[in-house]
C-alpha atoms as a PDB file:
ATOM      1  CA  MET A   1      -9.769  13.075   2.693  1.00  0.00           C
ATOM      2  CA  ASN A   2     -12.085  10.632   1.009  1.00  0.00           C
ATOM      3  CA  LYS A   3     -12.875   7.187   3.372  1.00  0.00           C
ATOM      4  CA  TYR A   4     -10.099   5.068   0.767  1.00  0.00           C
ATOM      5  CA  GLN A   5      -7.041   7.527   1.983  1.00  0.00           C
ATOM      6  CA  LYS A   6      -8.396   7.176   5.437  1.00  0.00           C
ATOM      7  CA  PHE A   7      -8.015   3.303   5.172  1.00  0.00           C
ATOM      8  CA  LYS A   8      -4.807   3.328   3.605  1.00  0.00           C
ATOM      9  CA  GLU A   9      -3.417   6.051   5.798  1.00  0.00           C
ATOM     10  CA  LYS A  10      -4.227   3.679   8.951  1.00  0.00           C
ATOM     11  CA  ALA A  11      -3.598   0.533   7.611  1.00  0.00           C
ATOM     12  CA  LEU A  12      -0.109   1.294   6.372  1.00  0.00           C
ATOM     13  CA  GLU A  13       0.403   1.743   9.914  1.00  0.00           C
ATOM     14  CA  ASN A  14       0.819  -1.889  10.292  1.00  0.00           C
ATOM     15  CA  SER A  15       4.601  -2.569   9.139  1.00  0.00           C
ATOM     16  CA  GLU A  16       3.362  -5.947   7.956  1.00  0.00           C
ATOM     17  CA  VAL A  17       0.999  -4.194   5.431  1.00  0.00           C
ATOM     18  CA  ARG A  18       3.027  -1.380   4.795  1.00  0.00           C
ATOM     19  CA  GLU A  19       5.926  -3.844   3.667  1.00  0.00           C
ATOM     20  CA  SER A  20       3.382  -6.170   1.461  1.00  0.00           C
ATOM     21  CA  PHE A  21       1.734  -2.670  -0.252  1.00  0.00           C
ATOM     22  CA  GLU A  22       5.417  -1.947  -1.282  1.00  0.00           C
ATOM     23  CA  GLU A  23       6.209  -4.724  -2.704  1.00  0.00           C
ATOM     24  CA  GLY A  24       3.379  -4.895  -4.361  1.00  0.00           C
ATOM     25  CA  LEU A  25       4.418  -1.582  -5.949  1.00  0.00           C
ATOM     26  CA  GLU A  26       7.742  -2.149  -6.633  1.00  0.00           C
ATOM     27  CA  LEU A  27       6.162  -5.692  -8.695  1.00  0.00           C
ATOM     28  CA  LEU A  28       3.757  -3.676 -10.682  1.00  0.00           C
ATOM     29  CA  ARG A  29       6.564  -0.898 -11.716  1.00  0.00           C
ATOM     30  CA  ILE A  30       8.701  -3.862 -12.860  1.00  0.00           C
ATOM     31  CA  SER A  31       5.936  -4.900 -14.568  1.00  0.00           C
ATOM     32  CA  ALA A  32       4.673  -1.807 -16.595  1.00  0.00           C
ATOM     33  CA  GLU A  33       8.592  -1.192 -17.229  1.00  0.00           C
ATOM     34  CA  ILE A  34       8.647  -4.402 -19.469  1.00  0.00           C
ATOM     35  CA  ALA A  35       5.262  -3.905 -21.203  1.00  0.00           C
ATOM     36  CA  THR A  36       6.223  -0.568 -21.941  1.00  0.00           C
ATOM     37  CA  LEU A  37       9.183  -1.568 -23.149  1.00  0.00           C
ATOM     38  CA  ARG A  38       8.048  -3.965 -25.463  1.00  0.00           C
ATOM     39  CA  GLU A  39       5.480  -2.219 -26.667  1.00  0.00           C
ATOM     40  CA  LYS A  40       8.607   0.512 -27.441  1.00  0.00           C
ATOM     41  CA  LEU A  41      10.078  -2.296 -29.135  1.00  0.00           C
ATOM     42  CA  GLY A  42       6.922  -3.319 -30.987  1.00  0.00           C
ATOM     43  CA  TYR A  43       6.619  -6.543 -30.287  1.00  0.00           C
ATOM     44  CA  SER A  44       3.039  -8.142 -29.741  1.00  0.00           C
ATOM     45  CA  GLN A  45       2.912 -10.541 -26.253  1.00  0.00           C
ATOM     46  CA  THR A  46       3.242 -13.295 -28.555  1.00  0.00           C
ATOM     47  CA  GLU A  47       6.560 -12.296 -30.752  1.00  0.00           C
ATOM     48  CA  LEU A  48       8.393 -11.522 -27.107  1.00  0.00           C
ATOM     49  CA  ALA A  49       6.976 -14.853 -26.248  1.00  0.00           C
ATOM     50  CA  LYS A  50       8.674 -16.463 -29.200  1.00  0.00           C
ATOM     51  CA  LYS A  51      12.009 -14.531 -29.006  1.00  0.00           C
ATOM     52  CA  ALA A  52      11.992 -15.555 -25.272  1.00  0.00           C
ATOM     53  CA  HIS A  53      10.593 -19.211 -25.796  1.00  0.00           C
ATOM     54  CA  THR A  54       8.256 -19.481 -23.552  1.00  0.00           C
ATOM     55  CA  THR A  55       4.341 -18.984 -24.045  1.00  0.00           C
ATOM     56  CA  GLN A  56       2.056 -15.453 -24.301  1.00  0.00           C
ATOM     57  CA  THR A  57       0.251 -16.558 -20.948  1.00  0.00           C
ATOM     58  CA  VAL A  58       3.986 -16.459 -19.371  1.00  0.00           C
ATOM     59  CA  ILE A  59       4.275 -12.917 -21.046  1.00  0.00           C
ATOM     60  CA  SER A  60       0.567 -11.945 -19.937  1.00  0.00           C
ATOM     61  CA  LYS A  61       0.966 -13.027 -16.154  1.00  0.00           C
ATOM     62  CA  LEU A  62       4.137 -11.223 -16.088  1.00  0.00           C
ATOM     63  CA  LYS A  63       2.661  -8.011 -17.472  1.00  0.00           C
ATOM     64  CA  ASN A  64      -0.113  -8.493 -14.505  1.00  0.00           C
ATOM     65  CA  GLY A  65       2.370  -8.453 -11.853  1.00  0.00           C
ATOM     66  CA  GLN A  66       1.600 -12.698 -11.555  1.00  0.00           C
ATOM     67  CA  ASN A  67       4.426 -14.655  -9.954  1.00  0.00           C
ATOM     68  CA  VAL A  68       7.002 -16.307 -13.052  1.00  0.00           C
ATOM     69  CA  ASN A  69       9.773 -18.526 -12.681  1.00  0.00           C
ATOM     70  CA  LEU A  70      12.984 -16.197 -12.434  1.00  0.00           C
ATOM     71  CA  ARG A  71      14.659 -18.239 -15.110  1.00  0.00           C
ATOM     72  CA  THR A  72      11.529 -17.313 -16.927  1.00  0.00           C
ATOM     73  CA  LEU A  73      12.080 -13.592 -16.256  1.00  0.00           C
ATOM     74  CA  TYR A  74      15.696 -13.889 -17.470  1.00  0.00           C
ATOM     75  CA  LYS A  75      14.806 -15.484 -20.802  1.00  0.00           C
ATOM     76  CA  VAL A  76      11.787 -12.688 -20.986  1.00  0.00           C
ATOM     77  CA  LEU A  77      14.782  -9.414 -20.606  1.00  0.00           C
ATOM     78  CA  ALA A  78      17.034 -10.741 -22.500  1.00  0.00           C
ATOM     79  CA  ALA A  79      14.926 -10.993 -25.270  1.00  0.00           C
ATOM     80  CA  LEU A  80      14.298  -7.383 -24.671  1.00  0.00           C
ATOM     81  CA  GLY A  81      17.921  -6.394 -24.553  1.00  0.00           C
ATOM     82  CA  VAL A  82      18.256  -5.468 -21.010  1.00  0.00           C
ATOM     83  CA  SER A  83      19.371  -6.852 -17.591  1.00  0.00           C
ATOM     84  CA  ILE A  84      18.469  -6.830 -14.181  1.00  0.00           C
ATOM     85  CA  GLN A  85      20.500  -4.925 -11.806  1.00  0.00           C
ATOM     86  CA  LEU A  86      20.718  -5.045  -8.218  1.00  0.00           C
ATOM     87  CA  LYS A  87      20.883  -2.626  -5.430  1.00  0.00           C
ATOM     88  CA  THR A  88      21.073  -2.588  -2.320  1.00  0.00           C
ATOM     89  CA  SER A  89      18.278  -0.607  -0.687  1.00  0.00           C
END
């Protein structure tokens, strides 16, 4: 185990750190899924932005896991032809 792995293991023992880490991973997963779908559909960020009635900057923020407005997320997903399904954990 390298130094990073040891540090990460120790840090994740703290429940607040672990929760924040897991939240970040989930945000990255969602961002990656949206980017993959956009690419699969052959849309550039600019094309998707036009379809979602937003800007390329917003699409870039979404791709990078930055915060976007919930309504904007909904419009982007609708432009991609997908919806959100919530489930309890």
